Amino acid sequence: MTVIWLIVAVGVGATLWTDLINELRRRLLGATVPDYASVGRWIGHMRFGKFTHASIRQADPVPGEQLLGWCVHYVIGVVFAGALIVWQGVDWLYQPVIMPALLFGVMTVLFPFLLLQPALGAGFAASRTPSPTKARWGSLINHVLFGLGLYATAGALTMFI
C-alpha cells in the first residue's frame, strides 16, 4: 500500500510543480498555459457519447467543467507517475534518477499530440491551431516540466521514507 501512496504523492507533486512553474511563466513571461476547463468540457460531453469535437470552445459548456478538468489533470498526473514506476520499477521511488523521469516526461507529450488535441478539435499535434509550432513547444515544455517534477517530488519524498 505504501507504494501506491508514494505513486499518488509523486503524481500529485509533479503535477503541482508543473502548474506552479506554468503560473510563474504566465505571470512573468506572459506564456500561454493550458486551459483545463476545456478538458473538463471534453470529459463532460463523453457522458452523451461525444468524444471528439470540431472545436471544444464552441461545444456547450458543462457544469463544473473547470473543477472537472483540474481533477482529471491531477488524476492523469498520478496515472503517468504509476506508468513511470511500472517502467522503471518500484526501486526508482526510493532512489530516483533524473534521466528516466525526464525521458518519460517527454514521452508523455504523445498523449496531447495524439489524443487530447485531436479530440478537442486542435488536430494532430495542434496542427489546426493558429500557431502550431508555438502550441507544440508549449506542450513539450509542460511535459518536460512534468518529468522534472516527477524526479524532484520523488527525491523530496526520499527524505521521509
N, C-alpha and C. Protein backbone atom coordinates (compact mmCIF):
# COMPACT_ATOMS: atom_id res chain seq x y z
N MET A 1 0.82 -1.20 0.00
CA MET A 1 0.00 0.00 0.00
C MET A 1 0.86 1.27 0.00
N THR A 2 2.00 1.20 0.65
CA THR A 2 2.89 2.35 0.70
C THR A 2 3.31 2.79 -0.70
N VAL A 3 3.56 1.84 -1.57
CA VAL A 3 3.98 2.16 -2.93
C VAL A 3 2.88 2.94 -3.65
N ILE A 4 1.64 2.55 -3.46
CA ILE A 4 0.53 3.26 -4.10
C ILE A 4 0.48 4.70 -3.62
N TRP A 5 0.63 4.91 -2.32
CA TRP A 5 0.61 6.28 -1.79
C TRP A 5 1.79 7.09 -2.30
N LEU A 6 2.94 6.44 -2.44
CA LEU A 6 4.10 7.14 -2.99
C LEU A 6 3.85 7.55 -4.44
N ILE A 7 3.25 6.66 -5.22
CA ILE A 7 2.92 6.99 -6.61
C ILE A 7 1.95 8.15 -6.67
N VAL A 8 0.93 8.12 -5.81
CA VAL A 8 -0.03 9.23 -5.76
C VAL A 8 0.68 10.52 -5.40
N ALA A 9 1.54 10.46 -4.39
CA ALA A 9 2.27 11.66 -3.97
C ALA A 9 3.18 12.19 -5.08
N VAL A 10 3.86 11.29 -5.76
CA VAL A 10 4.76 11.72 -6.85
C VAL A 10 3.94 12.32 -7.99
N GLY A 11 2.83 11.68 -8.35
CA GLY A 11 1.99 12.21 -9.43
C GLY A 11 1.40 13.56 -9.11
N VAL A 12 0.86 13.70 -7.90
CA VAL A 12 0.29 14.99 -7.49
C VAL A 12 1.39 16.04 -7.38
N GLY A 13 2.52 15.66 -6.79
CA GLY A 13 3.62 16.61 -6.64
C GLY A 13 4.16 17.09 -7.97
N ALA A 14 4.34 16.17 -8.90
CA ALA A 14 4.86 16.54 -10.22
C ALA A 14 3.88 17.43 -10.96
N THR A 15 2.60 17.13 -10.83
CA THR A 15 1.58 17.94 -11.50
C THR A 15 1.51 19.33 -10.86
N LEU A 16 1.57 19.38 -9.54
CA LEU A 16 1.56 20.67 -8.84
C LEU A 16 2.78 21.49 -9.22
N TRP A 17 3.95 20.87 -9.26
CA TRP A 17 5.18 21.54 -9.69
C TRP A 17 5.00 22.16 -11.08
N THR A 18 4.45 21.36 -12.01
CA THR A 18 4.23 21.84 -13.37
C THR A 18 3.29 23.04 -13.37
N ASP A 19 2.22 22.95 -12.60
CA ASP A 19 1.25 24.04 -12.54
C ASP A 19 1.84 25.30 -11.93
N LEU A 20 2.64 25.15 -10.89
CA LEU A 20 3.26 26.32 -10.25
C LEU A 20 4.26 27.00 -11.19
N ILE A 21 5.07 26.20 -11.86
CA ILE A 21 6.03 26.79 -12.81
C ILE A 21 5.28 27.45 -13.98
N ASN A 22 4.21 26.82 -14.45
CA ASN A 22 3.43 27.43 -15.52
C ASN A 22 2.80 28.74 -15.08
N GLU A 23 2.35 28.80 -13.85
CA GLU A 23 1.77 30.06 -13.36
C GLU A 23 2.85 31.15 -13.30
N LEU A 24 4.04 30.78 -12.90
CA LEU A 24 5.16 31.75 -12.93
C LEU A 24 5.47 32.18 -14.36
N ARG A 25 5.48 31.23 -15.27
CA ARG A 25 5.73 31.55 -16.68
C ARG A 25 4.66 32.48 -17.22
N ARG A 26 3.41 32.24 -16.83
CA ARG A 26 2.31 33.09 -17.28
C ARG A 26 2.45 34.50 -16.73
N ARG A 27 2.71 34.61 -15.44
CA ARG A 27 2.79 35.93 -14.80
C ARG A 27 4.03 36.72 -15.20
N LEU A 28 5.15 36.04 -15.27
CA LEU A 28 6.41 36.75 -15.53
C LEU A 28 6.73 36.91 -17.01
N LEU A 29 6.33 35.94 -17.82
CA LEU A 29 6.71 35.94 -19.23
C LEU A 29 5.53 36.10 -20.18
N GLY A 30 4.31 36.08 -19.63
CA GLY A 30 3.13 36.16 -20.48
C GLY A 30 2.90 34.89 -21.28
N ALA A 31 3.48 33.77 -20.82
CA ALA A 31 3.35 32.50 -21.54
C ALA A 31 1.90 32.02 -21.53
N THR A 32 1.51 31.35 -22.59
CA THR A 32 0.20 30.71 -22.66
C THR A 32 0.29 29.39 -21.90
N VAL A 33 -0.67 29.17 -21.01
CA VAL A 33 -0.68 27.94 -20.22
C VAL A 33 -1.96 27.17 -20.51
N PRO A 34 -1.97 25.89 -20.23
CA PRO A 34 -3.14 25.07 -20.55
C PRO A 34 -4.42 25.54 -19.85
N ASP A 35 -5.53 25.33 -20.54
CA ASP A 35 -6.86 25.64 -20.00
C ASP A 35 -7.55 24.32 -19.70
N TYR A 36 -7.57 23.95 -18.43
CA TYR A 36 -8.12 22.64 -18.07
C TYR A 36 -9.64 22.61 -18.07
N ALA A 37 -10.28 23.75 -18.17
CA ALA A 37 -11.74 23.77 -18.32
C ALA A 37 -12.14 23.08 -19.62
N SER A 38 -11.31 23.23 -20.66
CA SER A 38 -11.63 22.57 -21.93
C SER A 38 -11.54 21.05 -21.78
N VAL A 39 -10.64 20.57 -20.94
CA VAL A 39 -10.56 19.13 -20.67
C VAL A 39 -11.83 18.69 -19.93
N GLY A 40 -12.26 19.49 -18.96
CA GLY A 40 -13.50 19.19 -18.25
C GLY A 40 -14.70 19.18 -19.16
N ARG A 41 -14.74 20.10 -20.10
CA ARG A 41 -15.84 20.14 -21.07
C ARG A 41 -15.81 18.88 -21.93
N TRP A 42 -14.62 18.49 -22.37
CA TRP A 42 -14.46 17.28 -23.18
C TRP A 42 -14.95 16.05 -22.41
N ILE A 43 -14.48 15.90 -21.19
CA ILE A 43 -14.88 14.77 -20.35
C ILE A 43 -16.39 14.82 -20.09
N GLY A 44 -16.90 16.01 -19.82
CA GLY A 44 -18.33 16.17 -19.55
C GLY A 44 -19.21 15.76 -20.72
N HIS A 45 -18.75 15.98 -21.93
CA HIS A 45 -19.53 15.60 -23.12
C HIS A 45 -19.47 14.10 -23.41
N MET A 46 -18.52 13.41 -22.81
CA MET A 46 -18.41 11.98 -23.04
C MET A 46 -19.65 11.23 -22.54
N ARG A 47 -20.28 11.74 -21.50
CA ARG A 47 -21.48 11.06 -20.97
C ARG A 47 -22.62 11.07 -21.98
N PHE A 48 -22.52 11.94 -22.98
CA PHE A 48 -23.52 11.99 -24.04
C PHE A 48 -23.04 11.25 -25.29
N GLY A 49 -21.91 10.55 -25.16
CA GLY A 49 -21.38 9.80 -26.28
C GLY A 49 -20.58 10.63 -27.26
N LYS A 50 -20.23 11.85 -26.87
CA LYS A 50 -19.47 12.75 -27.75
C LYS A 50 -18.01 12.76 -27.30
N PHE A 51 -17.13 12.16 -28.12
CA PHE A 51 -15.73 12.01 -27.74
C PHE A 51 -14.78 12.91 -28.52
N THR A 52 -15.24 13.45 -29.63
CA THR A 52 -14.42 14.38 -30.41
C THR A 52 -15.25 15.61 -30.75
N HIS A 53 -14.56 16.71 -30.98
CA HIS A 53 -15.22 17.99 -31.26
C HIS A 53 -14.49 18.70 -32.39
N ALA A 54 -15.25 19.41 -33.18
CA ALA A 54 -14.64 20.26 -34.21
C ALA A 54 -13.89 21.40 -33.52
N SER A 55 -14.47 21.91 -32.43
CA SER A 55 -13.83 22.92 -31.60
C SER A 55 -14.44 22.83 -30.21
N ILE A 56 -13.64 22.46 -29.24
CA ILE A 56 -14.16 22.32 -27.87
C ILE A 56 -14.66 23.66 -27.34
N ARG A 57 -14.10 24.76 -27.82
CA ARG A 57 -14.55 26.09 -27.37
C ARG A 57 -15.99 26.38 -27.80
N GLN A 58 -16.41 25.77 -28.91
CA GLN A 58 -17.77 26.00 -29.39
C GLN A 58 -18.76 24.98 -28.86
N ALA A 59 -18.28 23.97 -28.16
CA ALA A 59 -19.16 22.97 -27.56
C ALA A 59 -19.90 23.61 -26.38
N ASP A 60 -21.08 23.11 -26.09
CA ASP A 60 -21.84 23.64 -24.96
C ASP A 60 -21.06 23.47 -23.67
N PRO A 61 -21.06 24.51 -22.82
CA PRO A 61 -20.40 24.39 -21.53
C PRO A 61 -21.02 23.26 -20.70
N VAL A 62 -20.21 22.71 -19.81
CA VAL A 62 -20.64 21.64 -18.91
C VAL A 62 -20.55 22.19 -17.49
N PRO A 63 -21.59 22.01 -16.68
CA PRO A 63 -21.50 22.50 -15.29
C PRO A 63 -20.28 21.90 -14.58
N GLY A 64 -19.52 22.76 -13.93
CA GLY A 64 -18.35 22.31 -13.18
C GLY A 64 -17.17 21.91 -14.04
N GLU A 65 -17.14 22.35 -15.29
CA GLU A 65 -16.09 21.90 -16.21
C GLU A 65 -14.69 22.27 -15.75
N GLN A 66 -14.56 23.42 -15.12
CA GLN A 66 -13.23 23.83 -14.67
C GLN A 66 -12.72 22.89 -13.57
N LEU A 67 -13.54 22.63 -12.57
CA LEU A 67 -13.14 21.72 -11.49
C LEU A 67 -12.91 20.31 -12.05
N LEU A 68 -13.80 19.86 -12.91
CA LEU A 68 -13.65 18.54 -13.51
C LEU A 68 -12.34 18.44 -14.28
N GLY A 69 -12.03 19.47 -15.07
CA GLY A 69 -10.80 19.48 -15.85
C GLY A 69 -9.56 19.43 -14.97
N TRP A 70 -9.56 20.21 -13.90
CA TRP A 70 -8.41 20.21 -12.99
C TRP A 70 -8.27 18.85 -12.29
N CYS A 71 -9.38 18.25 -11.89
CA CYS A 71 -9.33 16.93 -11.25
C CYS A 71 -8.78 15.89 -12.22
N VAL A 72 -9.26 15.90 -13.45
CA VAL A 72 -8.76 14.96 -14.46
C VAL A 72 -7.27 15.18 -14.70
N HIS A 73 -6.86 16.43 -14.74
CA HIS A 73 -5.44 16.78 -14.92
C HIS A 73 -4.58 16.12 -13.84
N TYR A 74 -5.02 16.18 -12.59
CA TYR A 74 -4.25 15.58 -11.50
C TYR A 74 -4.33 14.06 -11.52
N VAL A 75 -5.47 13.51 -11.88
CA VAL A 75 -5.58 12.05 -12.00
C VAL A 75 -4.63 11.55 -13.08
N ILE A 76 -4.56 12.26 -14.20
CA ILE A 76 -3.63 11.87 -15.27
C ILE A 76 -2.19 11.92 -14.77
N GLY A 77 -1.86 12.94 -13.97
CA GLY A 77 -0.51 13.03 -13.39
C GLY A 77 -0.18 11.81 -12.55
N VAL A 78 -1.16 11.34 -11.76
CA VAL A 78 -0.94 10.15 -10.93
C VAL A 78 -0.81 8.90 -11.80
N VAL A 79 -1.65 8.79 -12.82
CA VAL A 79 -1.58 7.64 -13.73
C VAL A 79 -0.22 7.62 -14.43
N PHE A 80 0.24 8.77 -14.88
CA PHE A 80 1.56 8.84 -15.52
C PHE A 80 2.66 8.46 -14.54
N ALA A 81 2.57 8.90 -13.30
CA ALA A 81 3.57 8.52 -12.29
C ALA A 81 3.57 7.01 -12.11
N GLY A 82 2.39 6.42 -12.08
CA GLY A 82 2.28 4.97 -11.98
C GLY A 82 2.92 4.28 -13.17
N ALA A 83 2.72 4.83 -14.35
CA ALA A 83 3.31 4.24 -15.56
C ALA A 83 4.83 4.32 -15.50
N LEU A 84 5.36 5.42 -14.97
CA LEU A 84 6.82 5.54 -14.82
C LEU A 84 7.34 4.43 -13.89
N ILE A 85 6.62 4.17 -12.82
CA ILE A 85 7.05 3.15 -11.87
C ILE A 85 6.93 1.76 -12.48
N VAL A 86 5.90 1.53 -13.27
CA VAL A 86 5.79 0.24 -13.98
C VAL A 86 7.00 0.07 -14.89
N TRP A 87 7.40 1.13 -15.56
CA TRP A 87 8.54 1.08 -16.49
C TRP A 87 9.87 0.92 -15.75
N GLN A 88 10.05 1.73 -14.68
CA GLN A 88 11.35 1.77 -14.00
C GLN A 88 11.46 0.82 -12.82
N GLY A 89 10.34 0.40 -12.28
CA GLY A 89 10.35 -0.46 -11.10
C GLY A 89 10.20 0.36 -9.83
N VAL A 90 9.75 -0.29 -8.80
CA VAL A 90 9.47 0.37 -7.52
C VAL A 90 10.73 0.99 -6.92
N ASP A 91 11.88 0.38 -7.17
CA ASP A 91 13.11 0.91 -6.60
C ASP A 91 13.37 2.36 -7.00
N TRP A 92 12.84 2.78 -8.16
CA TRP A 92 13.04 4.16 -8.61
C TRP A 92 12.45 5.14 -7.59
N LEU A 93 11.36 4.75 -6.93
CA LEU A 93 10.76 5.64 -5.93
C LEU A 93 11.70 5.92 -4.77
N TYR A 94 12.55 4.95 -4.44
CA TYR A 94 13.45 5.07 -3.31
C TYR A 94 14.82 5.62 -3.69
N GLN A 95 15.15 5.52 -4.97
CA GLN A 95 16.40 6.07 -5.50
C GLN A 95 16.13 6.67 -6.88
N PRO A 96 15.43 7.81 -6.92
CA PRO A 96 15.07 8.38 -8.23
C PRO A 96 16.29 8.84 -9.01
N VAL A 97 16.19 8.66 -10.32
CA VAL A 97 17.23 9.07 -11.26
C VAL A 97 16.57 10.01 -12.26
N ILE A 98 17.25 11.09 -12.58
CA ILE A 98 16.62 12.14 -13.37
C ILE A 98 16.33 11.74 -14.82
N MET A 99 17.25 11.05 -15.48
CA MET A 99 17.07 10.80 -16.92
C MET A 99 15.81 10.00 -17.25
N PRO A 100 15.49 8.93 -16.53
CA PRO A 100 14.24 8.23 -16.85
C PRO A 100 13.01 9.13 -16.65
N ALA A 101 13.02 9.94 -15.60
CA ALA A 101 11.89 10.83 -15.33
C ALA A 101 11.76 11.87 -16.44
N LEU A 102 12.87 12.44 -16.84
CA LEU A 102 12.86 13.45 -17.91
C LEU A 102 12.44 12.83 -19.23
N LEU A 103 12.98 11.69 -19.56
CA LEU A 103 12.61 10.99 -20.79
C LEU A 103 11.12 10.62 -20.77
N PHE A 104 10.66 10.14 -19.64
CA PHE A 104 9.25 9.77 -19.52
C PHE A 104 8.37 11.01 -19.69
N GLY A 105 8.76 12.13 -19.08
CA GLY A 105 8.00 13.37 -19.24
C GLY A 105 7.89 13.77 -20.70
N VAL A 106 8.99 13.67 -21.42
CA VAL A 106 8.98 13.99 -22.85
C VAL A 106 8.08 13.02 -23.61
N MET A 107 8.13 11.74 -23.25
CA MET A 107 7.29 10.75 -23.94
C MET A 107 5.80 11.01 -23.71
N THR A 108 5.45 11.56 -22.56
CA THR A 108 4.03 11.81 -22.28
C THR A 108 3.43 12.90 -23.16
N VAL A 109 4.26 13.64 -23.87
CA VAL A 109 3.73 14.65 -24.79
C VAL A 109 2.95 13.99 -25.92
N LEU A 110 3.16 12.70 -26.12
CA LEU A 110 2.38 11.99 -27.13
C LEU A 110 0.89 11.97 -26.78
N PHE A 111 0.55 11.98 -25.51
CA PHE A 111 -0.85 11.98 -25.08
C PHE A 111 -1.60 13.19 -25.64
N PRO A 112 -1.13 14.43 -25.43
CA PRO A 112 -1.87 15.54 -26.04
C PRO A 112 -1.76 15.56 -27.56
N PHE A 113 -0.59 15.25 -28.09
CA PHE A 113 -0.42 15.30 -29.54
C PHE A 113 -1.33 14.32 -30.28
N LEU A 114 -1.44 13.10 -29.76
CA LEU A 114 -2.17 12.04 -30.47
C LEU A 114 -3.62 11.86 -30.03
N LEU A 115 -3.95 12.28 -28.81
CA LEU A 115 -5.30 12.03 -28.30
C LEU A 115 -6.04 13.32 -27.95
N LEU A 116 -5.50 14.08 -27.03
CA LEU A 116 -6.23 15.23 -26.50
C LEU A 116 -6.46 16.32 -27.54
N GLN A 117 -5.41 16.78 -28.18
CA GLN A 117 -5.56 17.87 -29.15
C GLN A 117 -6.47 17.49 -30.31
N PRO A 118 -6.32 16.30 -30.90
CA PRO A 118 -7.28 15.94 -31.95
C PRO A 118 -8.72 15.86 -31.44
N ALA A 119 -8.92 15.33 -30.24
CA ALA A 119 -10.28 15.20 -29.70
C ALA A 119 -10.91 16.55 -29.41
N LEU A 120 -10.10 17.54 -29.08
CA LEU A 120 -10.62 18.88 -28.78
C LEU A 120 -10.79 19.73 -30.03
N GLY A 121 -10.38 19.20 -31.17
CA GLY A 121 -10.54 19.94 -32.42
C GLY A 121 -9.30 20.71 -32.84
N ALA A 122 -8.19 20.52 -32.12
CA ALA A 122 -6.96 21.24 -32.44
C ALA A 122 -6.12 20.49 -33.48
N GLY A 123 -6.50 19.27 -33.82
CA GLY A 123 -5.77 18.49 -34.81
C GLY A 123 -4.59 17.75 -34.22
N PHE A 124 -4.02 16.86 -35.03
CA PHE A 124 -2.84 16.11 -34.63
C PHE A 124 -1.71 17.07 -34.30
N ALA A 125 -1.17 16.96 -33.09
CA ALA A 125 -0.06 17.82 -32.64
C ALA A 125 -0.36 19.29 -32.87
N ALA A 126 -1.58 19.69 -32.56
CA ALA A 126 -2.02 21.09 -32.64
C ALA A 126 -1.96 21.66 -34.05
N SER A 127 -2.06 20.81 -35.05
CA SER A 127 -1.92 21.26 -36.44
C SER A 127 -3.02 22.22 -36.89
N ARG A 128 -4.16 22.23 -36.21
CA ARG A 128 -5.26 23.11 -36.61
C ARG A 128 -5.34 24.37 -35.75
N THR A 129 -4.32 24.65 -34.98
CA THR A 129 -4.31 25.86 -34.16
C THR A 129 -3.69 27.01 -34.96
N PRO A 130 -3.92 28.25 -34.52
CA PRO A 130 -3.34 29.40 -35.24
C PRO A 130 -1.80 29.37 -35.29
N SER A 131 -1.18 28.83 -34.24
CA SER A 131 0.29 28.76 -34.19
C SER A 131 0.72 27.36 -33.74
N PRO A 132 0.69 26.39 -34.67
CA PRO A 132 1.02 25.01 -34.28
C PRO A 132 2.39 24.85 -33.62
N THR A 133 3.39 25.52 -34.15
CA THR A 133 4.73 25.39 -33.58
C THR A 133 4.76 25.89 -32.15
N LYS A 134 4.15 27.02 -31.91
CA LYS A 134 4.09 27.58 -30.55
C LYS A 134 3.33 26.62 -29.62
N ALA A 135 2.23 26.07 -30.09
CA ALA A 135 1.45 25.13 -29.28
C ALA A 135 2.26 23.87 -28.98
N ARG A 136 2.99 23.38 -29.97
CA ARG A 136 3.81 22.18 -29.77
C ARG A 136 4.92 22.42 -28.75
N TRP A 137 5.57 23.54 -28.88
CA TRP A 137 6.63 23.88 -27.91
C TRP A 137 6.03 24.02 -26.51
N GLY A 138 4.85 24.64 -26.43
CA GLY A 138 4.20 24.78 -25.13
C GLY A 138 3.91 23.42 -24.50
N SER A 139 3.41 22.50 -25.30
CA SER A 139 3.14 21.15 -24.81
C SER A 139 4.43 20.46 -24.36
N LEU A 140 5.46 20.59 -25.17
CA LEU A 140 6.73 19.96 -24.83
C LEU A 140 7.30 20.53 -23.53
N ILE A 141 7.24 21.85 -23.38
CA ILE A 141 7.73 22.49 -22.15
C ILE A 141 6.95 21.95 -20.94
N ASN A 142 5.62 21.87 -21.07
CA ASN A 142 4.81 21.36 -19.96
C ASN A 142 5.22 19.96 -19.57
N HIS A 143 5.49 19.12 -20.54
CA HIS A 143 5.80 17.73 -20.26
C HIS A 143 7.24 17.54 -19.78
N VAL A 144 8.15 18.39 -20.20
CA VAL A 144 9.50 18.39 -19.64
C VAL A 144 9.41 18.82 -18.17
N LEU A 145 8.63 19.86 -17.90
CA LEU A 145 8.43 20.29 -16.51
C LEU A 145 7.86 19.15 -15.67
N PHE A 146 6.91 18.43 -16.23
CA PHE A 146 6.32 17.30 -15.51
C PHE A 146 7.38 16.24 -15.20
N GLY A 147 8.21 15.93 -16.18
CA GLY A 147 9.29 14.96 -15.94
C GLY A 147 10.23 15.41 -14.84
N LEU A 148 10.60 16.69 -14.86
CA LEU A 148 11.44 17.23 -13.80
C LEU A 148 10.71 17.17 -12.46
N GLY A 149 9.40 17.41 -12.49
CA GLY A 149 8.60 17.33 -11.27
C GLY A 149 8.52 15.93 -10.71
N LEU A 150 8.46 14.93 -11.58
CA LEU A 150 8.48 13.54 -11.12
C LEU A 150 9.75 13.27 -10.33
N TYR A 151 10.87 13.68 -10.90
CA TYR A 151 12.16 13.47 -10.24
C TYR A 151 12.26 14.27 -8.94
N ALA A 152 11.91 15.55 -8.99
CA ALA A 152 12.03 16.41 -7.81
C ALA A 152 11.13 15.93 -6.67
N THR A 153 9.91 15.54 -7.01
CA THR A 153 8.99 15.08 -5.97
C THR A 153 9.47 13.77 -5.37
N ALA A 154 9.86 12.83 -6.20
CA ALA A 154 10.36 11.56 -5.68
C ALA A 154 11.60 11.79 -4.82
N GLY A 155 12.47 12.67 -5.28
CA GLY A 155 13.67 12.99 -4.50
C GLY A 155 13.33 13.60 -3.15
N ALA A 156 12.37 14.50 -3.13
CA ALA A 156 11.95 15.12 -1.86
C ALA A 156 11.33 14.09 -0.94
N LEU A 157 10.56 13.17 -1.50
CA LEU A 157 9.90 12.15 -0.67
C LEU A 157 10.89 11.18 -0.05
N THR A 158 12.05 10.99 -0.68
CA THR A 158 13.04 10.05 -0.11
C THR A 158 13.53 10.52 1.25
N MET A 159 13.35 11.78 1.56
CA MET A 159 13.77 12.28 2.88
C MET A 159 12.81 11.79 3.97
N PHE A 160 11.62 11.34 3.58
CA PHE A 160 10.61 10.95 4.55
C PHE A 160 10.33 9.45 4.58
N ILE A 161 10.96 8.71 3.67
CA ILE A 161 10.67 7.25 3.63
C ILE A 161 11.91 6.45 3.99
